[in-house]
Amino acid sequence: MTKIDTSNPGNALPTPSHTVGPFYGYALPFPGGGDIAPVGHPDTVTVQGYVYDGAGDPLPDAFVEVWGADPEGRLPQVDGSMRRDPASGGHLGRNGVEFTGWGRVQTDANGHWYARTLRPGARGDSAPYLSLCVFARGLLVHLFTRIYLPGDDVVLAADPLLSRLEPARRDTLVARERSDGTYRFDIRLQGEGETVFLEFT
């Protein structure tokens, strides 16, 4: 039996109370979490990007939840689209038919995430947007933000949230269209270019 000199704190083995969680890689991810749009739907868009910490390093174990309206601006009311294996109870992924508007994505080893969803329609006087909830290590409270897709500048400028922000801060909420037709949206948790986060009371 090996004895550890516990009089020196540097020799103590870590215990659960020494770590900062929560840990999102266990039990929460499921196949097809970012594939929200029904297969072959003509209004499908892909949004992808990276989650960065305050030092500008990508986070390989962050978690992003995405919600969005359908192209007519309606919030989906369907029960769900997840299928389970009747034998094992494990997730088989989405059924490819119902649009729930919701997805859950874990970042990969490089901090990258993606969601394939339907282009949201406008609701009320707001410009079309996707809602995001971000979970990451060291964040004891999750963060809320939005993704606005580029398009009609007049509509974006009139949005009640975007119109209250200075241009540099506003830009952190607007995705950039890429040459391949996808949209790039990076999430910066702190520091230079920090994403605008929302507080709901």
N, C-alpha and C. Protein backbone atom coordinates (compact mmCIF):
# COMPACT_ATOMS: atom_id res chain seq x y z
N MET A 1 0.84 -1.18 0.00
CA MET A 1 0.00 0.00 0.00
C MET A 1 0.88 1.24 0.00
N THR A 2 0.57 2.16 -0.92
CA THR A 2 1.34 3.39 -1.03
C THR A 2 0.75 4.44 -0.10
N LYS A 3 1.63 5.07 0.66
CA LYS A 3 1.18 6.14 1.54
C LYS A 3 1.48 7.48 0.89
N ILE A 4 0.55 8.40 1.03
CA ILE A 4 0.71 9.74 0.46
C ILE A 4 0.84 10.71 1.61
N ASP A 5 1.88 11.56 1.52
CA ASP A 5 2.10 12.58 2.53
C ASP A 5 1.06 13.69 2.34
N THR A 6 0.01 13.66 3.11
CA THR A 6 -1.06 14.66 2.97
C THR A 6 -0.75 15.97 3.69
N SER A 7 0.39 16.04 4.36
CA SER A 7 0.75 17.31 4.99
C SER A 7 1.15 18.33 3.95
N ASN A 8 1.49 17.86 2.73
CA ASN A 8 1.81 18.75 1.62
C ASN A 8 0.62 18.76 0.67
N PRO A 9 -0.12 19.89 0.54
CA PRO A 9 -1.31 19.93 -0.30
C PRO A 9 -1.04 19.52 -1.74
N GLY A 10 0.18 19.71 -2.22
CA GLY A 10 0.51 19.34 -3.59
C GLY A 10 0.48 17.84 -3.82
N ASN A 11 0.53 17.05 -2.73
CA ASN A 11 0.50 15.60 -2.86
C ASN A 11 -0.90 15.01 -2.77
N ALA A 12 -1.87 15.83 -2.40
CA ALA A 12 -3.23 15.31 -2.22
C ALA A 12 -3.85 14.97 -3.57
N LEU A 13 -4.53 13.84 -3.63
CA LEU A 13 -5.23 13.45 -4.85
C LEU A 13 -6.52 14.26 -4.98
N PRO A 14 -6.88 14.63 -6.20
CA PRO A 14 -8.12 15.41 -6.35
C PRO A 14 -9.35 14.58 -6.00
N THR A 15 -10.33 15.23 -5.45
CA THR A 15 -11.61 14.60 -5.14
C THR A 15 -12.68 15.36 -5.92
N PRO A 16 -13.91 14.85 -5.98
CA PRO A 16 -14.93 15.58 -6.73
C PRO A 16 -15.10 17.03 -6.30
N SER A 17 -14.87 17.33 -5.04
CA SER A 17 -15.04 18.71 -4.59
C SER A 17 -13.91 19.62 -5.06
N HIS A 18 -12.82 19.05 -5.58
CA HIS A 18 -11.71 19.86 -6.08
C HIS A 18 -11.87 20.23 -7.55
N THR A 19 -12.87 19.73 -8.20
CA THR A 19 -13.04 19.98 -9.63
C THR A 19 -14.17 20.96 -9.85
N VAL A 20 -14.13 21.65 -10.96
CA VAL A 20 -15.20 22.58 -11.29
C VAL A 20 -16.00 21.98 -12.43
N GLY A 21 -17.22 21.61 -12.15
CA GLY A 21 -18.11 21.06 -13.17
C GLY A 21 -19.10 22.14 -13.55
N PRO A 22 -20.25 21.77 -14.01
CA PRO A 22 -20.65 20.40 -14.30
C PRO A 22 -19.97 19.85 -15.55
N PHE A 23 -20.12 18.56 -15.76
CA PHE A 23 -19.47 17.88 -16.87
C PHE A 23 -20.55 17.45 -17.85
N TYR A 24 -20.51 17.97 -19.08
CA TYR A 24 -21.61 17.80 -20.01
C TYR A 24 -21.43 16.64 -20.98
N GLY A 25 -20.27 16.02 -21.00
CA GLY A 25 -20.04 14.96 -21.97
C GLY A 25 -20.67 13.63 -21.61
N TYR A 26 -21.20 13.52 -20.40
CA TYR A 26 -21.76 12.25 -19.96
C TYR A 26 -23.28 12.29 -20.00
N ALA A 27 -23.87 11.39 -20.76
CA ALA A 27 -25.32 11.17 -20.83
C ALA A 27 -26.11 12.24 -21.58
N LEU A 28 -25.56 13.43 -21.80
CA LEU A 28 -26.33 14.47 -22.46
C LEU A 28 -26.24 14.46 -23.98
N PRO A 29 -25.07 14.22 -24.58
CA PRO A 29 -25.03 14.22 -26.05
C PRO A 29 -25.82 13.05 -26.63
N PHE A 30 -26.34 13.21 -27.84
CA PHE A 30 -27.04 12.13 -28.51
C PHE A 30 -26.81 12.26 -30.01
N PRO A 31 -26.89 11.16 -30.76
CA PRO A 31 -26.65 11.22 -32.20
C PRO A 31 -27.63 12.17 -32.89
N GLY A 32 -27.11 12.96 -33.81
CA GLY A 32 -27.97 13.87 -34.57
C GLY A 32 -28.45 15.06 -33.79
N GLY A 33 -27.78 15.40 -32.71
CA GLY A 33 -28.24 16.52 -31.89
C GLY A 33 -28.30 17.84 -32.63
N GLY A 34 -27.39 18.05 -33.56
CA GLY A 34 -27.37 19.29 -34.32
C GLY A 34 -28.15 19.25 -35.61
N ASP A 35 -28.70 18.07 -35.96
CA ASP A 35 -29.47 17.92 -37.21
C ASP A 35 -30.95 18.14 -36.91
N ILE A 36 -31.33 19.40 -36.83
CA ILE A 36 -32.67 19.78 -36.40
C ILE A 36 -33.66 19.80 -37.56
N ALA A 37 -33.21 20.23 -38.73
CA ALA A 37 -34.09 20.35 -39.90
C ALA A 37 -34.46 18.98 -40.44
N PRO A 38 -35.70 18.81 -40.89
CA PRO A 38 -36.07 17.56 -41.56
C PRO A 38 -35.21 17.35 -42.81
N VAL A 39 -34.90 16.12 -43.10
CA VAL A 39 -34.02 15.80 -44.22
C VAL A 39 -34.62 16.33 -45.52
N GLY A 40 -33.79 17.06 -46.31
CA GLY A 40 -34.20 17.54 -47.62
C GLY A 40 -35.07 18.78 -47.62
N HIS A 41 -35.31 19.39 -46.46
CA HIS A 41 -36.17 20.59 -46.42
C HIS A 41 -35.48 21.74 -47.16
N PRO A 42 -36.20 22.47 -48.02
CA PRO A 42 -35.56 23.53 -48.83
C PRO A 42 -35.10 24.75 -48.04
N ASP A 43 -35.62 24.95 -46.83
CA ASP A 43 -35.22 26.12 -46.03
C ASP A 43 -34.14 25.80 -45.00
N THR A 44 -33.40 24.72 -45.24
CA THR A 44 -32.36 24.31 -44.29
C THR A 44 -31.17 25.26 -44.35
N VAL A 45 -30.65 25.64 -43.18
CA VAL A 45 -29.42 26.42 -43.08
C VAL A 45 -28.50 25.71 -42.09
N THR A 46 -27.20 25.88 -42.29
CA THR A 46 -26.21 25.33 -41.37
C THR A 46 -25.46 26.49 -40.72
N VAL A 47 -25.46 26.50 -39.39
CA VAL A 47 -24.71 27.48 -38.61
C VAL A 47 -23.63 26.72 -37.89
N GLN A 48 -22.39 27.21 -37.97
CA GLN A 48 -21.29 26.52 -37.32
C GLN A 48 -20.27 27.54 -36.82
N GLY A 49 -19.50 27.13 -35.82
CA GLY A 49 -18.49 28.03 -35.28
C GLY A 49 -17.73 27.36 -34.16
N TYR A 50 -17.10 28.18 -33.33
CA TYR A 50 -16.27 27.70 -32.23
C TYR A 50 -16.69 28.39 -30.95
N VAL A 51 -16.45 27.72 -29.82
CA VAL A 51 -16.65 28.34 -28.51
C VAL A 51 -15.25 28.60 -27.93
N TYR A 52 -14.99 29.86 -27.56
CA TYR A 52 -13.69 30.27 -27.04
C TYR A 52 -13.81 30.75 -25.60
N ASP A 53 -12.77 30.48 -24.81
CA ASP A 53 -12.75 30.98 -23.43
C ASP A 53 -12.16 32.39 -23.40
N GLY A 54 -11.97 32.93 -22.20
CA GLY A 54 -11.47 34.29 -22.06
C GLY A 54 -10.07 34.51 -22.59
N ALA A 55 -9.27 33.44 -22.65
CA ALA A 55 -7.92 33.55 -23.19
C ALA A 55 -7.88 33.36 -24.70
N GLY A 56 -9.05 33.12 -25.30
CA GLY A 56 -9.10 32.90 -26.74
C GLY A 56 -8.84 31.47 -27.16
N ASP A 57 -8.83 30.54 -26.19
CA ASP A 57 -8.62 29.13 -26.51
C ASP A 57 -9.96 28.44 -26.74
N PRO A 58 -10.02 27.54 -27.74
CA PRO A 58 -11.27 26.83 -27.98
C PRO A 58 -11.57 25.84 -26.86
N LEU A 59 -12.86 25.67 -26.56
CA LEU A 59 -13.28 24.76 -25.49
C LEU A 59 -13.77 23.45 -26.11
N PRO A 60 -13.08 22.35 -25.81
CA PRO A 60 -13.47 21.06 -26.39
C PRO A 60 -14.62 20.37 -25.69
N ASP A 61 -15.12 20.94 -24.61
CA ASP A 61 -16.16 20.26 -23.84
C ASP A 61 -17.32 21.20 -23.49
N ALA A 62 -17.57 22.16 -24.36
CA ALA A 62 -18.71 23.05 -24.16
C ALA A 62 -19.95 22.41 -24.78
N PHE A 63 -21.09 23.00 -24.48
CA PHE A 63 -22.37 22.46 -24.91
C PHE A 63 -23.22 23.62 -25.37
N VAL A 64 -23.88 23.48 -26.52
CA VAL A 64 -24.72 24.54 -27.06
C VAL A 64 -26.12 23.97 -27.33
N GLU A 65 -27.14 24.63 -26.83
CA GLU A 65 -28.51 24.28 -27.17
C GLU A 65 -29.06 25.36 -28.07
N VAL A 66 -29.77 24.96 -29.11
CA VAL A 66 -30.29 25.87 -30.13
C VAL A 66 -31.81 25.73 -30.19
N TRP A 67 -32.51 26.87 -30.23
CA TRP A 67 -33.97 26.89 -30.45
C TRP A 67 -34.26 27.85 -31.58
N GLY A 68 -35.27 27.55 -32.38
CA GLY A 68 -35.64 28.48 -33.44
C GLY A 68 -37.06 28.26 -33.92
N ALA A 69 -37.65 29.33 -34.43
CA ALA A 69 -38.97 29.25 -35.04
C ALA A 69 -38.85 28.61 -36.42
N ASP A 70 -39.99 28.25 -37.00
CA ASP A 70 -39.97 27.72 -38.37
C ASP A 70 -39.91 28.89 -39.35
N PRO A 71 -39.82 28.63 -40.66
CA PRO A 71 -39.69 29.73 -41.62
C PRO A 71 -40.86 30.71 -41.63
N GLU A 72 -42.02 30.32 -41.10
CA GLU A 72 -43.16 31.24 -41.02
C GLU A 72 -43.18 32.01 -39.69
N GLY A 73 -42.18 31.79 -38.85
CA GLY A 73 -42.11 32.48 -37.57
C GLY A 73 -42.91 31.82 -36.47
N ARG A 74 -43.41 30.60 -36.71
CA ARG A 74 -44.19 29.89 -35.70
C ARG A 74 -43.27 29.05 -34.83
N LEU A 75 -43.55 29.01 -33.53
CA LEU A 75 -42.80 28.13 -32.64
C LEU A 75 -43.35 26.71 -32.78
N PRO A 76 -42.49 25.73 -33.02
CA PRO A 76 -42.96 24.35 -33.19
C PRO A 76 -43.69 23.85 -31.95
N GLN A 77 -44.74 23.07 -32.18
CA GLN A 77 -45.55 22.52 -31.09
C GLN A 77 -45.56 20.99 -31.09
N VAL A 78 -44.69 20.36 -31.89
CA VAL A 78 -44.67 18.90 -31.95
C VAL A 78 -44.00 18.33 -30.71
N ASP A 79 -44.33 17.09 -30.39
CA ASP A 79 -43.83 16.46 -29.17
C ASP A 79 -42.35 16.16 -29.21
N GLY A 80 -41.81 15.80 -30.37
CA GLY A 80 -40.39 15.47 -30.45
C GLY A 80 -40.09 14.64 -31.66
N SER A 81 -38.82 14.45 -31.93
CA SER A 81 -38.43 13.70 -33.11
C SER A 81 -37.39 12.63 -32.80
N MET A 82 -37.07 12.43 -31.52
CA MET A 82 -36.04 11.47 -31.14
C MET A 82 -36.58 10.04 -31.19
N ARG A 83 -35.73 9.14 -31.67
CA ARG A 83 -36.09 7.72 -31.68
C ARG A 83 -35.14 6.97 -30.77
N ARG A 84 -35.66 5.93 -30.14
CA ARG A 84 -34.85 5.08 -29.28
C ARG A 84 -34.84 3.67 -29.83
N ASP A 85 -33.74 2.99 -29.57
CA ASP A 85 -33.64 1.58 -29.92
C ASP A 85 -34.50 0.79 -28.94
N PRO A 86 -35.50 0.05 -29.41
CA PRO A 86 -36.37 -0.66 -28.47
C PRO A 86 -35.63 -1.73 -27.66
N ALA A 87 -34.52 -2.22 -28.18
CA ALA A 87 -33.79 -3.27 -27.46
C ALA A 87 -32.88 -2.69 -26.38
N SER A 88 -32.09 -1.67 -26.75
CA SER A 88 -31.11 -1.15 -25.81
C SER A 88 -31.58 0.11 -25.08
N GLY A 89 -32.57 0.80 -25.66
CA GLY A 89 -33.01 2.06 -25.07
C GLY A 89 -32.15 3.23 -25.48
N GLY A 90 -31.09 2.97 -26.26
CA GLY A 90 -30.19 4.04 -26.71
C GLY A 90 -30.82 4.91 -27.79
N HIS A 91 -30.24 6.09 -27.98
CA HIS A 91 -30.76 7.02 -28.99
C HIS A 91 -30.37 6.55 -30.38
N LEU A 92 -31.33 6.59 -31.31
CA LEU A 92 -31.07 6.30 -32.71
C LEU A 92 -30.97 7.57 -33.54
N GLY A 93 -31.27 8.70 -32.94
CA GLY A 93 -31.24 9.96 -33.69
C GLY A 93 -32.66 10.42 -33.99
N ARG A 94 -32.76 11.45 -34.82
CA ARG A 94 -34.07 12.02 -35.16
C ARG A 94 -34.76 11.19 -36.23
N ASN A 95 -36.07 11.35 -36.32
CA ASN A 95 -36.81 10.59 -37.32
C ASN A 95 -36.79 11.25 -38.69
N GLY A 96 -36.26 12.48 -38.80
CA GLY A 96 -36.13 13.14 -40.09
C GLY A 96 -37.42 13.74 -40.61
N VAL A 97 -38.47 13.78 -39.81
CA VAL A 97 -39.77 14.27 -40.28
C VAL A 97 -40.19 15.52 -39.49
N GLU A 98 -40.40 15.37 -38.18
CA GLU A 98 -40.87 16.50 -37.37
C GLU A 98 -39.76 17.54 -37.18
N PHE A 99 -40.17 18.80 -37.17
CA PHE A 99 -39.26 19.91 -36.85
C PHE A 99 -39.63 20.42 -35.47
N THR A 100 -38.77 20.16 -34.50
CA THR A 100 -39.02 20.61 -33.13
C THR A 100 -38.42 21.98 -32.86
N GLY A 101 -37.50 22.42 -33.72
CA GLY A 101 -36.85 23.71 -33.53
C GLY A 101 -35.74 23.69 -32.49
N TRP A 102 -35.49 22.53 -31.88
CA TRP A 102 -34.53 22.44 -30.78
C TRP A 102 -33.44 21.42 -31.07
N GLY A 103 -32.23 21.76 -30.69
CA GLY A 103 -31.12 20.82 -30.81
C GLY A 103 -30.10 21.04 -29.71
N ARG A 104 -29.28 20.02 -29.49
CA ARG A 104 -28.24 20.08 -28.46
C ARG A 104 -26.95 19.56 -29.08
N VAL A 105 -25.89 20.36 -28.98
CA VAL A 105 -24.64 20.04 -29.65
C VAL A 105 -23.47 20.19 -28.69
N GLN A 106 -22.59 19.21 -28.68
CA GLN A 106 -21.36 19.31 -27.91
C GLN A 106 -20.24 19.75 -28.85
N THR A 107 -19.34 20.61 -28.37
CA THR A 107 -18.20 20.97 -29.20
C THR A 107 -17.26 19.78 -29.34
N ASP A 108 -16.52 19.75 -30.46
CA ASP A 108 -15.57 18.66 -30.66
C ASP A 108 -14.23 19.01 -30.01
N ALA A 109 -13.21 18.22 -30.28
CA ALA A 109 -11.90 18.41 -29.64
C ALA A 109 -11.28 19.76 -29.98
N ASN A 110 -11.73 20.38 -31.07
CA ASN A 110 -11.21 21.69 -31.48
C ASN A 110 -12.13 22.84 -31.07
N GLY A 111 -13.16 22.55 -30.28
CA GLY A 111 -14.08 23.58 -29.84
C GLY A 111 -15.14 23.94 -30.86
N HIS A 112 -15.28 23.12 -31.92
CA HIS A 112 -16.20 23.42 -33.02
C HIS A 112 -17.59 22.82 -32.75
N TRP A 113 -18.62 23.52 -33.20
CA TRP A 113 -20.00 23.04 -33.09
C TRP A 113 -20.72 23.39 -34.39
N TYR A 114 -21.82 22.70 -34.65
CA TYR A 114 -22.64 23.05 -35.79
C TYR A 114 -24.09 22.69 -35.50
N ALA A 115 -24.99 23.37 -36.20
CA ALA A 115 -26.42 23.02 -36.16
C ALA A 115 -26.99 23.19 -37.55
N ARG A 116 -27.74 22.20 -37.99
CA ARG A 116 -28.42 22.25 -39.29
C ARG A 116 -29.90 22.36 -38.97
N THR A 117 -30.47 23.55 -39.22
CA THR A 117 -31.84 23.82 -38.82
C THR A 117 -32.57 24.54 -39.94
N LEU A 118 -33.80 24.96 -39.69
CA LEU A 118 -34.54 25.73 -40.68
C LEU A 118 -34.31 27.21 -40.45
N ARG A 119 -34.26 27.96 -41.55
CA ARG A 119 -34.11 29.41 -41.43
C ARG A 119 -35.33 29.96 -40.68
N PRO A 120 -35.11 30.62 -39.54
CA PRO A 120 -36.26 31.09 -38.76
C PRO A 120 -36.94 32.27 -39.43
N GLY A 121 -38.26 32.34 -39.28
CA GLY A 121 -39.01 33.50 -39.73
C GLY A 121 -39.11 34.52 -38.61
N ALA A 122 -39.50 35.74 -38.98
CA ALA A 122 -39.61 36.82 -38.00
C ALA A 122 -40.80 36.58 -37.09
N ARG A 123 -40.66 37.03 -35.85
CA ARG A 123 -41.74 36.96 -34.86
C ARG A 123 -41.96 38.36 -34.31
N GLY A 124 -43.16 38.89 -34.50
CA GLY A 124 -43.45 40.23 -34.00
C GLY A 124 -42.57 41.26 -34.68
N ASP A 125 -42.01 42.18 -33.89
CA ASP A 125 -41.17 43.22 -34.48
C ASP A 125 -39.68 42.87 -34.44
N SER A 126 -39.35 41.63 -34.07
CA SER A 126 -37.95 41.19 -34.03
C SER A 126 -37.51 40.67 -35.39
N ALA A 127 -36.25 40.89 -35.72
CA ALA A 127 -35.67 40.26 -36.89
C ALA A 127 -35.55 38.76 -36.61
N PRO A 128 -35.54 37.92 -37.64
CA PRO A 128 -35.42 36.47 -37.40
C PRO A 128 -34.13 36.14 -36.65
N TYR A 129 -34.21 35.24 -35.69
CA TYR A 129 -33.02 34.84 -34.93
C TYR A 129 -33.18 33.43 -34.40
N LEU A 130 -32.04 32.83 -34.04
CA LEU A 130 -31.99 31.57 -33.31
C LEU A 130 -31.57 31.88 -31.89
N SER A 131 -32.18 31.22 -30.92
CA SER A 131 -31.78 31.38 -29.52
C SER A 131 -30.74 30.32 -29.17
N LEU A 132 -29.75 30.71 -28.37
CA LEU A 132 -28.71 29.78 -27.92
C LEU A 132 -28.61 29.80 -26.41
N CYS A 133 -28.30 28.64 -25.85
CA CYS A 133 -27.95 28.53 -24.44
C CYS A 133 -26.60 27.83 -24.40
N VAL A 134 -25.62 28.42 -23.73
CA VAL A 134 -24.25 27.92 -23.73
C VAL A 134 -23.89 27.41 -22.34
N PHE A 135 -23.38 26.19 -22.31
CA PHE A 135 -22.88 25.57 -21.08
C PHE A 135 -21.40 25.29 -21.29
N ALA A 136 -20.58 25.54 -20.27
CA ALA A 136 -19.15 25.25 -20.40
C ALA A 136 -18.55 25.07 -19.02
N ARG A 137 -17.39 24.43 -18.98
CA ARG A 137 -16.71 24.21 -17.70
C ARG A 137 -16.39 25.55 -17.05
N GLY A 138 -16.55 25.61 -15.77
CA GLY A 138 -16.30 26.85 -15.04
C GLY A 138 -17.47 27.81 -15.05
N LEU A 139 -18.47 27.57 -15.90
CA LEU A 139 -19.68 28.39 -15.91
C LEU A 139 -20.70 27.73 -14.99
N LEU A 140 -20.90 28.30 -13.84
CA LEU A 140 -21.87 27.71 -12.93
C LEU A 140 -23.30 28.09 -13.30
N VAL A 141 -23.43 29.12 -14.13
CA VAL A 141 -24.74 29.53 -14.66
C VAL A 141 -24.61 29.59 -16.17
N HIS A 142 -25.51 28.93 -16.88
CA HIS A 142 -25.45 28.93 -18.34
C HIS A 142 -25.74 30.32 -18.88
N LEU A 143 -25.34 30.54 -20.14
CA LEU A 143 -25.46 31.85 -20.78
C LEU A 143 -26.43 31.78 -21.95
N PHE A 144 -27.21 32.84 -22.13
CA PHE A 144 -28.15 32.93 -23.24
C PHE A 144 -27.67 33.98 -24.24
N THR A 145 -27.83 33.70 -25.52
CA THR A 145 -27.54 34.68 -26.55
C THR A 145 -28.41 34.39 -27.76
N ARG A 146 -28.20 35.13 -28.83
CA ARG A 146 -28.96 34.95 -30.07
C ARG A 146 -28.02 34.94 -31.26
N ILE A 147 -28.49 34.31 -32.34
CA ILE A 147 -27.82 34.37 -33.63
C ILE A 147 -28.79 34.99 -34.62
N TYR A 148 -28.43 36.15 -35.14
CA TYR A 148 -29.17 36.75 -36.25
C TYR A 148 -28.45 36.40 -37.53
N LEU A 149 -29.20 36.01 -38.54
CA LEU A 149 -28.60 35.69 -39.83
C LEU A 149 -28.55 36.95 -40.67
N PRO A 150 -27.45 37.17 -41.41
CA PRO A 150 -27.35 38.38 -42.23
C PRO A 150 -28.41 38.35 -43.32
N GLY A 151 -28.79 39.53 -43.76
CA GLY A 151 -29.82 39.63 -44.79
C GLY A 151 -30.21 41.08 -44.96
N ASP A 152 -31.45 41.39 -44.67
CA ASP A 152 -31.97 42.74 -44.82
C ASP A 152 -31.44 43.64 -43.70
N ASP A 153 -30.53 44.55 -44.03
CA ASP A 153 -29.91 45.41 -43.03
C ASP A 153 -30.93 46.31 -42.33
N VAL A 154 -31.97 46.71 -43.05
CA VAL A 154 -33.00 47.58 -42.45
C VAL A 154 -33.75 46.81 -41.36
N VAL A 155 -34.08 45.56 -41.64
CA VAL A 155 -34.78 44.73 -40.65
C VAL A 155 -33.90 44.51 -39.43
N LEU A 156 -32.60 44.22 -39.65
CA LEU A 156 -31.69 44.01 -38.53
C LEU A 156 -31.56 45.29 -37.70
N ALA A 157 -31.44 46.44 -38.37
CA ALA A 157 -31.25 47.70 -37.65
C ALA A 157 -32.47 48.06 -36.82
N ALA A 158 -33.66 47.59 -37.23
CA ALA A 158 -34.89 47.91 -36.51
C ALA A 158 -35.19 46.92 -35.38
N ASP A 159 -34.42 45.86 -35.26
CA ASP A 159 -34.68 44.87 -34.22
C ASP A 159 -34.55 45.53 -32.84
N PRO A 160 -35.50 45.28 -31.93
CA PRO A 160 -35.47 45.95 -30.62
C PRO A 160 -34.19 45.72 -29.82
N LEU A 161 -33.60 44.52 -29.94
CA LEU A 161 -32.36 44.25 -29.21
C LEU A 161 -31.16 44.86 -29.93
N LEU A 162 -31.01 44.56 -31.21
CA LEU A 162 -29.84 45.03 -31.95
C LEU A 162 -29.76 46.55 -32.01
N SER A 163 -30.91 47.21 -32.07
CA SER A 163 -30.91 48.68 -32.19
C SER A 163 -30.39 49.36 -30.93
N ARG A 164 -30.34 48.65 -29.81
CA ARG A 164 -29.86 49.23 -28.55
C ARG A 164 -28.36 49.04 -28.35
N LEU A 165 -27.70 48.31 -29.27
CA LEU A 165 -26.28 48.00 -29.10
C LEU A 165 -25.41 48.84 -30.00
N GLU A 166 -24.20 49.11 -29.53
CA GLU A 166 -23.21 49.77 -30.38
C GLU A 166 -22.80 48.80 -31.48
N PRO A 167 -22.38 49.32 -32.65
CA PRO A 167 -22.08 48.45 -33.79
C PRO A 167 -21.14 47.29 -33.48
N ALA A 168 -20.08 47.53 -32.71
CA ALA A 168 -19.12 46.46 -32.41
C ALA A 168 -19.76 45.35 -31.58
N ARG A 169 -20.61 45.73 -30.66
CA ARG A 169 -21.30 44.74 -29.83
C ARG A 169 -22.39 44.03 -30.63
N ARG A 170 -23.08 44.78 -31.49
CA ARG A 170 -24.12 44.21 -32.33
C ARG A 170 -23.54 43.12 -33.23
N ASP A 171 -22.35 43.35 -33.74
CA ASP A 171 -21.73 42.39 -34.66
C ASP A 171 -21.48 41.03 -34.01
N THR A 172 -21.39 40.97 -32.68
CA THR A 172 -21.16 39.68 -32.03
C THR A 172 -22.40 38.79 -32.07
N LEU A 173 -23.55 39.35 -32.49
CA LEU A 173 -24.79 38.58 -32.55
C LEU A 173 -25.21 38.24 -33.98
N VAL A 174 -24.47 38.73 -34.97
CA VAL A 174 -24.83 38.49 -36.37
C VAL A 174 -23.83 37.51 -36.99
N ALA A 175 -24.35 36.40 -37.48
CA ALA A 175 -23.49 35.40 -38.13
C ALA A 175 -22.93 35.96 -39.43
N ARG A 176 -21.84 35.36 -39.90
CA ARG A 176 -21.25 35.75 -41.18
C ARG A 176 -21.52 34.66 -42.20
N GLU A 177 -21.98 35.04 -43.37
CA GLU A 177 -22.22 34.06 -44.42
C GLU A 177 -20.90 33.68 -45.06
N ARG A 178 -20.69 32.39 -45.26
CA ARG A 178 -19.46 31.89 -45.86
C ARG A 178 -19.69 31.54 -47.32
N SER A 179 -18.59 31.36 -48.03
CA SER A 179 -18.69 31.10 -49.47
C SER A 179 -19.38 29.78 -49.77
N ASP A 180 -19.39 28.84 -48.82
CA ASP A 180 -20.04 27.55 -49.06
C ASP A 180 -21.53 27.56 -48.69
N GLY A 181 -22.07 28.75 -48.35
CA GLY A 181 -23.49 28.87 -48.03
C GLY A 181 -23.83 28.65 -46.57
N THR A 182 -22.85 28.26 -45.75
CA THR A 182 -23.10 28.10 -44.32
C THR A 182 -22.88 29.44 -43.62
N TYR A 183 -23.23 29.49 -42.34
CA TYR A 183 -23.05 30.70 -41.55
C TYR A 183 -22.08 30.41 -40.41
N ARG A 184 -21.18 31.36 -40.18
CA ARG A 184 -20.18 31.21 -39.11
C ARG A 184 -20.60 32.07 -37.93
N PHE A 185 -20.65 31.44 -36.75
CA PHE A 185 -20.98 32.17 -35.53
C PHE A 185 -20.12 31.64 -34.39
N ASP A 186 -19.12 32.42 -34.00
CA ASP A 186 -18.25 32.04 -32.89
C ASP A 186 -18.81 32.62 -31.59
N ILE A 187 -18.63 31.88 -30.52
CA ILE A 187 -19.10 32.30 -29.20
C ILE A 187 -17.87 32.56 -28.33
N ARG A 188 -17.69 33.80 -27.91
CA ARG A 188 -16.56 34.18 -27.06
C ARG A 188 -17.10 34.48 -25.67
N LEU A 189 -16.66 33.69 -24.69
CA LEU A 189 -17.23 33.78 -23.35
C LEU A 189 -16.76 35.00 -22.57
N GLN A 190 -15.55 35.48 -22.88
CA GLN A 190 -14.99 36.65 -22.18
C GLN A 190 -13.98 37.32 -23.09
N GLY A 191 -13.51 38.48 -22.65
CA GLY A 191 -12.38 39.12 -23.31
C GLY A 191 -12.78 39.89 -24.56
N GLU A 192 -11.77 40.15 -25.40
CA GLU A 192 -11.99 40.94 -26.60
C GLU A 192 -13.01 40.26 -27.52
N GLY A 193 -13.98 41.03 -27.97
CA GLY A 193 -15.00 40.49 -28.85
C GLY A 193 -16.00 39.60 -28.14
N GLU A 194 -16.10 39.73 -26.81
CA GLU A 194 -17.03 38.89 -26.04
C GLU A 194 -18.44 38.98 -26.63
N THR A 195 -19.06 37.83 -26.80
CA THR A 195 -20.43 37.76 -27.31
C THR A 195 -21.38 38.47 -26.34
N VAL A 196 -22.36 39.15 -26.88
CA VAL A 196 -23.40 39.74 -26.05
C VAL A 196 -24.26 38.61 -25.48
N PHE A 197 -24.40 38.57 -24.18
CA PHE A 197 -25.24 37.58 -23.52
C PHE A 197 -26.44 38.27 -22.89
N LEU A 198 -27.53 37.56 -22.79
CA LEU A 198 -28.80 38.12 -22.34
C LEU A 198 -29.13 37.65 -20.94
N GLU A 199 -29.79 38.48 -20.19
CA GLU A 199 -30.23 38.10 -18.85
C GLU A 199 -31.75 38.17 -18.82
N PHE A 200 -32.38 37.09 -18.41
CA PHE A 200 -33.83 37.05 -18.31
C PHE A 200 -34.23 37.14 -16.84
N THR A 201 -35.11 38.08 -16.52
CA THR A 201 -35.54 38.25 -15.13
C THR A 201 -37.02 38.01 -14.99
